[in-house]
């Protein structure tokens, strides 16, 4: 998930190559924002995986427990 988040930066950067300075600034801001998001969440990955592993023995159930619910009230 984190790699996909950063990977979207490549398309923004490629789109800005032939563009004006404002478009390049937006692309760089996009990259910085995505990288800061990844760096900000990175310290919580270990504790989160430990917590998810403690919720069930079955890996499928662990994935289900770690995935946010898509149902609405």
PDB file of N, CA and C in Angstrom:
ATOM      1  N   UNK A   1       0.822  -1.179   0.000  1.00  0.00           N
ATOM      2  CA  UNK A   1       0.000   0.000   0.000  1.00  0.00           C
ATOM      3  C   UNK A   1       0.874   1.254   0.000  1.00  0.00           C
ATOM      4  N   UNK A   2       1.910   1.242   0.788  1.00  0.00           N
ATOM      5  CA  UNK A   2       2.784   2.417   0.834  1.00  0.00           C
ATOM      6  C   UNK A   2       3.514   2.606  -0.490  1.00  0.00           C
ATOM      7  N   UNK A   3       3.938   1.528  -1.100  1.00  0.00           N
ATOM      8  CA  UNK A   3       4.609   1.610  -2.391  1.00  0.00           C
ATOM      9  C   UNK A   3       3.682   2.132  -3.473  1.00  0.00           C
ATOM     10  N   UNK A   4       2.436   1.726  -3.438  1.00  0.00           N
ATOM     11  CA  UNK A   4       1.463   2.232  -4.410  1.00  0.00           C
ATOM     12  C   UNK A   4       1.214   3.714  -4.193  1.00  0.00           C
ATOM     13  N   UNK A   5       1.216   4.113  -2.946  1.00  0.00           N
ATOM     14  CA  UNK A   5       1.029   5.522  -2.615  1.00  0.00           C
ATOM     15  C   UNK A   5       2.150   6.372  -3.202  1.00  0.00           C
ATOM     16  N   UNK A   6       3.373   5.924  -3.054  1.00  0.00           N
ATOM     17  CA  UNK A   6       4.520   6.654  -3.598  1.00  0.00           C
ATOM     18  C   UNK A   6       4.586   6.471  -5.114  1.00  0.00           C
ATOM     19  N   UNK A   7       4.164   5.322  -5.609  1.00  0.00           N
ATOM     20  CA  UNK A   7       4.221   5.050  -7.034  1.00  0.00           C
ATOM     21  C   UNK A   7       3.372   5.988  -7.872  1.00  0.00           C
ATOM     22  N   UNK A   8       2.296   6.511  -7.305  1.00  0.00           N
ATOM     23  CA  UNK A   8       1.466   7.453  -8.042  1.00  0.00           C
ATOM     24  C   UNK A   8       2.213   8.751  -8.335  1.00  0.00           C
ATOM     25  N   UNK A   9       3.292   8.991  -7.635  1.00  0.00           N
ATOM     26  CA  UNK A   9       4.084  10.199  -7.865  1.00  0.00           C
ATOM     27  C   UNK A   9       4.743  10.180  -9.235  1.00  0.00           C
ATOM     28  N   UNK A  10       5.044   9.010  -9.750  1.00  0.00           N
ATOM     29  CA  UNK A  10       5.702   8.916 -11.052  1.00  0.00           C
ATOM     30  C   UNK A  10       4.821   9.484 -12.158  1.00  0.00           C
ATOM     31  N   UNK A  11       3.534   9.231 -12.097  1.00  0.00           N
ATOM     32  CA  UNK A  11       2.648   9.756 -13.127  1.00  0.00           C
ATOM     33  C   UNK A  11       2.534  11.274 -13.037  1.00  0.00           C
ATOM     34  N   UNK A  12       2.474  11.795 -11.824  1.00  0.00           N
ATOM     35  CA  UNK A  12       2.410  13.248 -11.660  1.00  0.00           C
ATOM     36  C   UNK A  12       3.696  13.898 -12.146  1.00  0.00           C
ATOM     37  N   UNK A  13       4.802  13.282 -11.843  1.00  0.00           N
ATOM     38  CA  UNK A  13       6.090  13.825 -12.285  1.00  0.00           C
ATOM     39  C   UNK A  13       6.210  13.754 -13.804  1.00  0.00           C
ATOM     40  N   UNK A  14       5.820  12.654 -14.399  1.00  0.00           N
ATOM     41  CA  UNK A  14       5.890  12.510 -15.855  1.00  0.00           C
ATOM     42  C   UNK A  14       4.965  13.505 -16.549  1.00  0.00           C
ATOM     43  N   UNK A  15       3.807  13.749 -15.978  1.00  0.00           N
ATOM     44  CA  UNK A  15       2.864  14.686 -16.580  1.00  0.00           C
ATOM     45  C   UNK A  15       3.380  16.116 -16.528  1.00  0.00           C
ATOM     46  N   UNK A  16       4.227  16.407 -15.569  1.00  0.00           N
ATOM     47  CA  UNK A  16       4.713  17.778 -15.418  1.00  0.00           C
ATOM     48  C   UNK A  16       5.970  18.068 -16.232  1.00  0.00           C
ATOM     49  N   UNK A  17       6.529  17.087 -16.889  1.00  0.00           N
ATOM     50  CA  UNK A  17       7.795  17.294 -17.597  1.00  0.00           C
ATOM     51  C   UNK A  17       7.719  18.370 -18.668  1.00  0.00           C
ATOM     52  N   UNK A  18       6.684  18.390 -19.453  1.00  0.00           N
ATOM     53  CA  UNK A  18       6.581  19.387 -20.508  1.00  0.00           C
ATOM     54  C   UNK A  18       5.734  20.581 -20.129  1.00  0.00           C
ATOM     55  N   UNK A  19       5.447  20.723 -18.859  1.00  0.00           N
ATOM     56  CA  UNK A  19       4.518  21.752 -18.404  1.00  0.00           C
ATOM     57  C   UNK A  19       5.259  22.982 -17.870  1.00  0.00           C
ATOM     58  N   UNK A  20       4.472  23.956 -17.471  1.00  0.00           N
ATOM     59  CA  UNK A  20       5.048  25.193 -16.946  1.00  0.00           C
ATOM     60  C   UNK A  20       5.527  25.014 -15.504  1.00  0.00           C
ATOM     61  N   UNK A  21       6.077  26.072 -14.945  1.00  0.00           N
ATOM     62  CA  UNK A  21       6.669  26.013 -13.605  1.00  0.00           C
ATOM     63  C   UNK A  21       5.634  25.691 -12.527  1.00  0.00           C
ATOM     64  N   UNK A  22       4.423  26.202 -12.679  1.00  0.00           N
ATOM     65  CA  UNK A  22       3.385  25.914 -11.683  1.00  0.00           C
ATOM     66  C   UNK A  22       3.042  24.424 -11.643  1.00  0.00           C
ATOM     67  N   UNK A  23       2.958  23.808 -12.799  1.00  0.00           N
ATOM     68  CA  UNK A  23       2.663  22.378 -12.852  1.00  0.00           C
ATOM     69  C   UNK A  23       3.789  21.568 -12.226  1.00  0.00           C
ATOM     70  N   UNK A  24       5.018  21.988 -12.437  1.00  0.00           N
ATOM     71  CA  UNK A  24       6.153  21.290 -11.828  1.00  0.00           C
ATOM     72  C   UNK A  24       6.142  21.443 -10.312  1.00  0.00           C
ATOM     73  N   UNK A  25       5.763  22.628  -9.849  1.00  0.00           N
ATOM     74  CA  UNK A  25       5.664  22.836  -8.395  1.00  0.00           C
ATOM     75  C   UNK A  25       4.591  21.948  -7.786  1.00  0.00           C
ATOM     76  N   UNK A  26       3.475  21.820  -8.476  1.00  0.00           N
ATOM     77  CA  UNK A  26       2.400  20.952  -7.985  1.00  0.00           C
ATOM     78  C   UNK A  26       2.874  19.501  -7.935  1.00  0.00           C
ATOM     79  N   UNK A  27       3.598  19.070  -8.947  1.00  0.00           N
ATOM     80  CA  UNK A  27       4.098  17.689  -8.972  1.00  0.00           C
ATOM     81  C   UNK A  27       5.077  17.447  -7.826  1.00  0.00           C
ATOM     82  N   UNK A  28       5.955  18.393  -7.580  1.00  0.00           N
ATOM     83  CA  UNK A  28       6.912  18.249  -6.482  1.00  0.00           C
ATOM     84  C   UNK A  28       6.177  18.257  -5.142  1.00  0.00           C
ATOM     85  N   UNK A  29       5.174  19.119  -4.998  1.00  0.00           N
ATOM     86  CA  UNK A  29       4.390  19.141  -3.760  1.00  0.00           C
ATOM     87  C   UNK A  29       3.670  17.809  -3.562  1.00  0.00           C
ATOM     88  N   UNK A  30       3.184  17.231  -4.646  1.00  0.00           N
ATOM     89  CA  UNK A  30       2.520  15.930  -4.577  1.00  0.00           C
ATOM     90  C   UNK A  30       3.490  14.861  -4.076  1.00  0.00           C
ATOM     91  N   UNK A  31       4.691  14.865  -4.610  1.00  0.00           N
ATOM     92  CA  UNK A  31       5.709  13.898  -4.193  1.00  0.00           C
ATOM     93  C   UNK A  31       6.051  14.082  -2.720  1.00  0.00           C
ATOM     94  N   UNK A  32       6.276  15.319  -2.307  1.00  0.00           N
ATOM     95  CA  UNK A  32       6.628  15.600  -0.906  1.00  0.00           C
ATOM     96  C   UNK A  32       5.499  15.174   0.019  1.00  0.00           C
ATOM     97  N   UNK A  33       4.256  15.483  -0.348  1.00  0.00           N
ATOM     98  CA  UNK A  33       3.109  15.124   0.479  1.00  0.00           C
ATOM     99  C   UNK A  33       3.000  13.613   0.631  1.00  0.00           C
ATOM    100  N   UNK A  34       3.154  12.878  -0.464  1.00  0.00           N
ATOM    101  CA  UNK A  34       3.058  11.418  -0.404  1.00  0.00           C
ATOM    102  C   UNK A  34       4.205  10.807   0.405  1.00  0.00           C
ATOM    103  N   UNK A  35       5.412  11.318   0.203  1.00  0.00           N
ATOM    104  CA  UNK A  35       6.554  10.791   0.959  1.00  0.00           C
ATOM    105  C   UNK A  35       6.422  11.077   2.450  1.00  0.00           C
ATOM    106  N   UNK A  36       5.948  12.258   2.807  1.00  0.00           N
ATOM    107  CA  UNK A  36       5.739  12.572   4.225  1.00  0.00           C
ATOM    108  C   UNK A  36       4.672  11.668   4.834  1.00  0.00           C
ATOM    109  N   UNK A  37       3.657  11.345   4.052  1.00  0.00           N
ATOM    110  CA  UNK A  37       2.624  10.425   4.536  1.00  0.00           C
ATOM    111  C   UNK A  37       3.189   9.045   4.819  1.00  0.00           C
ATOM    112  N   UNK A  38       4.039   8.557   3.932  1.00  0.00           N
ATOM    113  CA  UNK A  38       4.663   7.248   4.128  1.00  0.00           C
ATOM    114  C   UNK A  38       5.595   7.278   5.334  1.00  0.00           C
ATOM    115  N   UNK A  39       6.415   8.307   5.424  1.00  0.00           N
ATOM    116  CA  UNK A  39       7.342   8.421   6.556  1.00  0.00           C
ATOM    117  C   UNK A  39       6.571   8.551   7.867  1.00  0.00           C
ATOM    118  N   UNK A  40       5.440   9.247   7.827  1.00  0.00           N
ATOM    119  CA  UNK A  40       4.640   9.430   9.046  1.00  0.00           C
ATOM    120  C   UNK A  40       3.988   8.156   9.535  1.00  0.00           C
ATOM    121  N   UNK A  41       3.606   7.273   8.626  1.00  0.00           N
ATOM    122  CA  UNK A  41       2.926   6.039   9.022  1.00  0.00           C
ATOM    123  C   UNK A  41       3.902   4.903   9.315  1.00  0.00           C
ATOM    124  N   UNK A  42       5.098   5.001   8.777  1.00  0.00           N
ATOM    125  CA  UNK A  42       6.081   3.918   8.896  1.00  0.00           C
ATOM    126  C   UNK A  42       6.342   3.460  10.338  1.00  0.00           C
ATOM    127  N   UNK A  43       6.478   4.354  11.324  1.00  0.00           N
ATOM    128  CA  UNK A  43       6.736   3.882  12.697  1.00  0.00           C
ATOM    129  C   UNK A  43       5.605   3.041  13.302  1.00  0.00           C
ATOM    130  N   UNK A  44       4.411   3.135  12.731  1.00  0.00           N
ATOM    131  CA  UNK A  44       3.267   2.414  13.287  1.00  0.00           C
ATOM    132  C   UNK A  44       3.048   1.041  12.657  1.00  0.00           C
ATOM    133  N   UNK A  45       3.824   0.698  11.641  1.00  0.00           N
ATOM    134  CA  UNK A  45       3.615  -0.571  10.943  1.00  0.00           C
ATOM    135  C   UNK A  45       3.907  -1.760  11.859  1.00  0.00           C
ATOM    136  N   UNK A  46       5.007  -1.722  12.579  1.00  0.00           N
ATOM    137  CA  UNK A  46       5.363  -2.822  13.482  1.00  0.00           C
ATOM    138  C   UNK A  46       4.315  -3.071  14.551  1.00  0.00           C
ATOM    139  N   UNK A  47       3.941  -2.038  15.326  1.00  0.00           N
ATOM    140  CA  UNK A  47       2.898  -2.250  16.338  1.00  0.00           C
ATOM    141  C   UNK A  47       1.555  -2.680  15.741  1.00  0.00           C
ATOM    142  N   UNK A  48       1.226  -2.168  14.569  1.00  0.00           N
ATOM    143  CA  UNK A  48      -0.033  -2.551  13.934  1.00  0.00           C
ATOM    144  C   UNK A  48      -0.020  -4.023  13.534  1.00  0.00           C
ATOM    145  N   UNK A  49       1.072  -4.491  12.945  1.00  0.00           N
ATOM    146  CA  UNK A  49       1.141  -5.899  12.553  1.00  0.00           C
ATOM    147  C   UNK A  49       1.126  -6.814  13.773  1.00  0.00           C
ATOM    148  N   UNK A  50       1.775  -6.381  14.851  1.00  0.00           N
ATOM    149  CA  UNK A  50       1.731  -7.170  16.089  1.00  0.00           C
ATOM    150  C   UNK A  50       0.307  -7.271  16.623  1.00  0.00           C
ATOM    151  N   UNK A  51      -0.398  -6.159  16.593  1.00  0.00           N
ATOM    152  CA  UNK A  51      -1.771  -6.139  17.078  1.00  0.00           C
ATOM    153  C   UNK A  51      -2.671  -7.025  16.212  1.00  0.00           C
ATOM    154  N   UNK A  52      -2.525  -6.918  14.892  1.00  0.00           N
ATOM    155  CA  UNK A  52      -3.340  -7.727  13.982  1.00  0.00           C
ATOM    156  C   UNK A  52      -3.032  -9.213  14.168  1.00  0.00           C
ATOM    157  N   UNK A  53      -1.762  -9.558  14.347  1.00  0.00           N
ATOM    158  CA  UNK A  53      -1.385 -10.959  14.553  1.00  0.00           C
ATOM    159  C   UNK A  53      -2.006 -11.516  15.829  1.00  0.00           C
ATOM    160  N   UNK A  54      -2.233 -10.663  16.811  1.00  0.00           N
ATOM    161  CA  UNK A  54      -2.814 -11.114  18.078  1.00  0.00           C
ATOM    162  C   UNK A  54      -4.329 -11.293  17.997  1.00  0.00           C
ATOM    163  N   UNK A  55      -4.954 -10.815  16.928  1.00  0.00           N
ATOM    164  CA  UNK A  55      -6.417 -10.887  16.848  1.00  0.00           C
ATOM    165  C   UNK A  55      -6.931 -12.252  16.418  1.00  0.00           C
ATOM    166  N   UNK A  56      -6.109 -13.032  15.701  1.00  0.00           N
ATOM    167  CA  UNK A  56      -6.556 -14.345  15.222  1.00  0.00           C
ATOM    168  C   UNK A  56      -5.351 -15.162  14.795  1.00  0.00           C
ATOM    169  N   UNK A  57      -5.540 -16.472  14.694  1.00  0.00           N
ATOM    170  CA  UNK A  57      -4.447 -17.352  14.240  1.00  0.00           C
ATOM    171  C   UNK A  57      -4.441 -17.477  12.719  1.00  0.00           C
ATOM    172  N   UNK A  58      -5.619 -17.466  12.114  1.00  0.00           N
ATOM    173  CA  UNK A  58      -5.761 -17.655  10.669  1.00  0.00           C
ATOM    174  C   UNK A  58      -5.356 -16.369   9.932  1.00  0.00           C
ATOM    175  N   UNK A  59      -4.406 -16.462   8.983  1.00  0.00           N
ATOM    176  CA  UNK A  59      -3.976 -15.267   8.242  1.00  0.00           C
ATOM    177  C   UNK A  59      -5.116 -14.575   7.493  1.00  0.00           C
ATOM    178  N   UNK A  60      -6.054 -15.351   6.969  1.00  0.00           N
ATOM    179  CA  UNK A  60      -7.199 -14.745   6.292  1.00  0.00           C
ATOM    180  C   UNK A  60      -8.035 -13.898   7.223  1.00  0.00           C
ATOM    181  N   UNK A  61      -8.217 -14.396   8.438  1.00  0.00           N
ATOM    182  CA  UNK A  61      -8.978 -13.645   9.433  1.00  0.00           C
ATOM    183  C   UNK A  61      -8.214 -12.396   9.863  1.00  0.00           C
ATOM    184  N   UNK A  62      -6.889 -12.512   9.956  1.00  0.00           N
ATOM    185  CA  UNK A  62      -6.068 -11.352  10.304  1.00  0.00           C
ATOM    186  C   UNK A  62      -6.216 -10.248   9.258  1.00  0.00           C
ATOM    187  N   UNK A  63      -6.218 -10.633   7.985  1.00  0.00           N
ATOM    188  CA  UNK A  63      -6.402  -9.650   6.915  1.00  0.00           C
ATOM    189  C   UNK A  63      -7.771  -8.998   7.032  1.00  0.00           C
ATOM    190  N   UNK A  64      -8.782  -9.810   7.291  1.00  0.00           N
ATOM    191  CA  UNK A  64     -10.129  -9.259   7.456  1.00  0.00           C
ATOM    192  C   UNK A  64     -10.192  -8.312   8.644  1.00  0.00           C
ATOM    193  N   UNK A  65      -9.511  -8.656   9.722  1.00  0.00           N
ATOM    194  CA  UNK A  65      -9.507  -7.792  10.905  1.00  0.00           C
ATOM    195  C   UNK A  65      -8.763  -6.480  10.646  1.00  0.00           C
ATOM    196  N   UNK A  66      -7.753  -6.508   9.790  1.00  0.00           N
ATOM    197  CA  UNK A  66      -6.948  -5.321   9.528  1.00  0.00           C
ATOM    198  C   UNK A  66      -7.588  -4.407   8.481  1.00  0.00           C
ATOM    199  N   UNK A  67      -8.566  -4.931   7.738  1.00  0.00           N
ATOM    200  CA  UNK A  67      -9.178  -4.161   6.662  1.00  0.00           C
ATOM    201  C   UNK A  67     -10.350  -3.375   7.217  1.00  0.00           C
ATOM    202  N   UNK A  68     -10.425  -2.081   6.889  1.00  0.00           N
ATOM    203  CA  UNK A  68     -11.555  -1.288   7.386  1.00  0.00           C
ATOM    204  C   UNK A  68     -12.865  -1.793   6.813  1.00  0.00           C
ATOM    205  N   UNK A  69     -13.894  -1.677   7.583  1.00  0.00           N
ATOM    206  CA  UNK A  69     -15.220  -2.108   7.141  1.00  0.00           C
ATOM    207  C   UNK A  69     -15.739  -1.153   6.076  1.00  0.00           C
ATOM    208  N   UNK A  70     -16.368  -1.703   5.053  1.00  0.00           N
ATOM    209  CA  UNK A  70     -16.925  -0.867   3.990  1.00  0.00           C
ATOM    210  C   UNK A  70     -18.425  -0.690   4.122  1.00  0.00           C
ATOM    211  N   UNK A  71     -18.994  -1.190   5.213  1.00  0.00           N
ATOM    212  CA  UNK A  71     -20.430  -1.034   5.411  1.00  0.00           C
ATOM    213  C   UNK A  71     -20.711   0.313   6.045  1.00  0.00           C
ATOM    214  N   UNK A  72     -21.842   0.861   5.691  1.00  0.00           N
ATOM    215  CA  UNK A  72     -22.230   2.146   6.282  1.00  0.00           C
ATOM    216  C   UNK A  72     -23.475   1.945   7.119  1.00  0.00           C
ATOM    217  N   UNK A  73     -23.615   2.788   8.114  1.00  0.00           N
ATOM    218  CA  UNK A  73     -24.733   2.648   9.038  1.00  0.00           C
ATOM    219  C   UNK A  73     -25.974   3.293   8.508  1.00  0.00           C
TER     220      UNK A  73
END
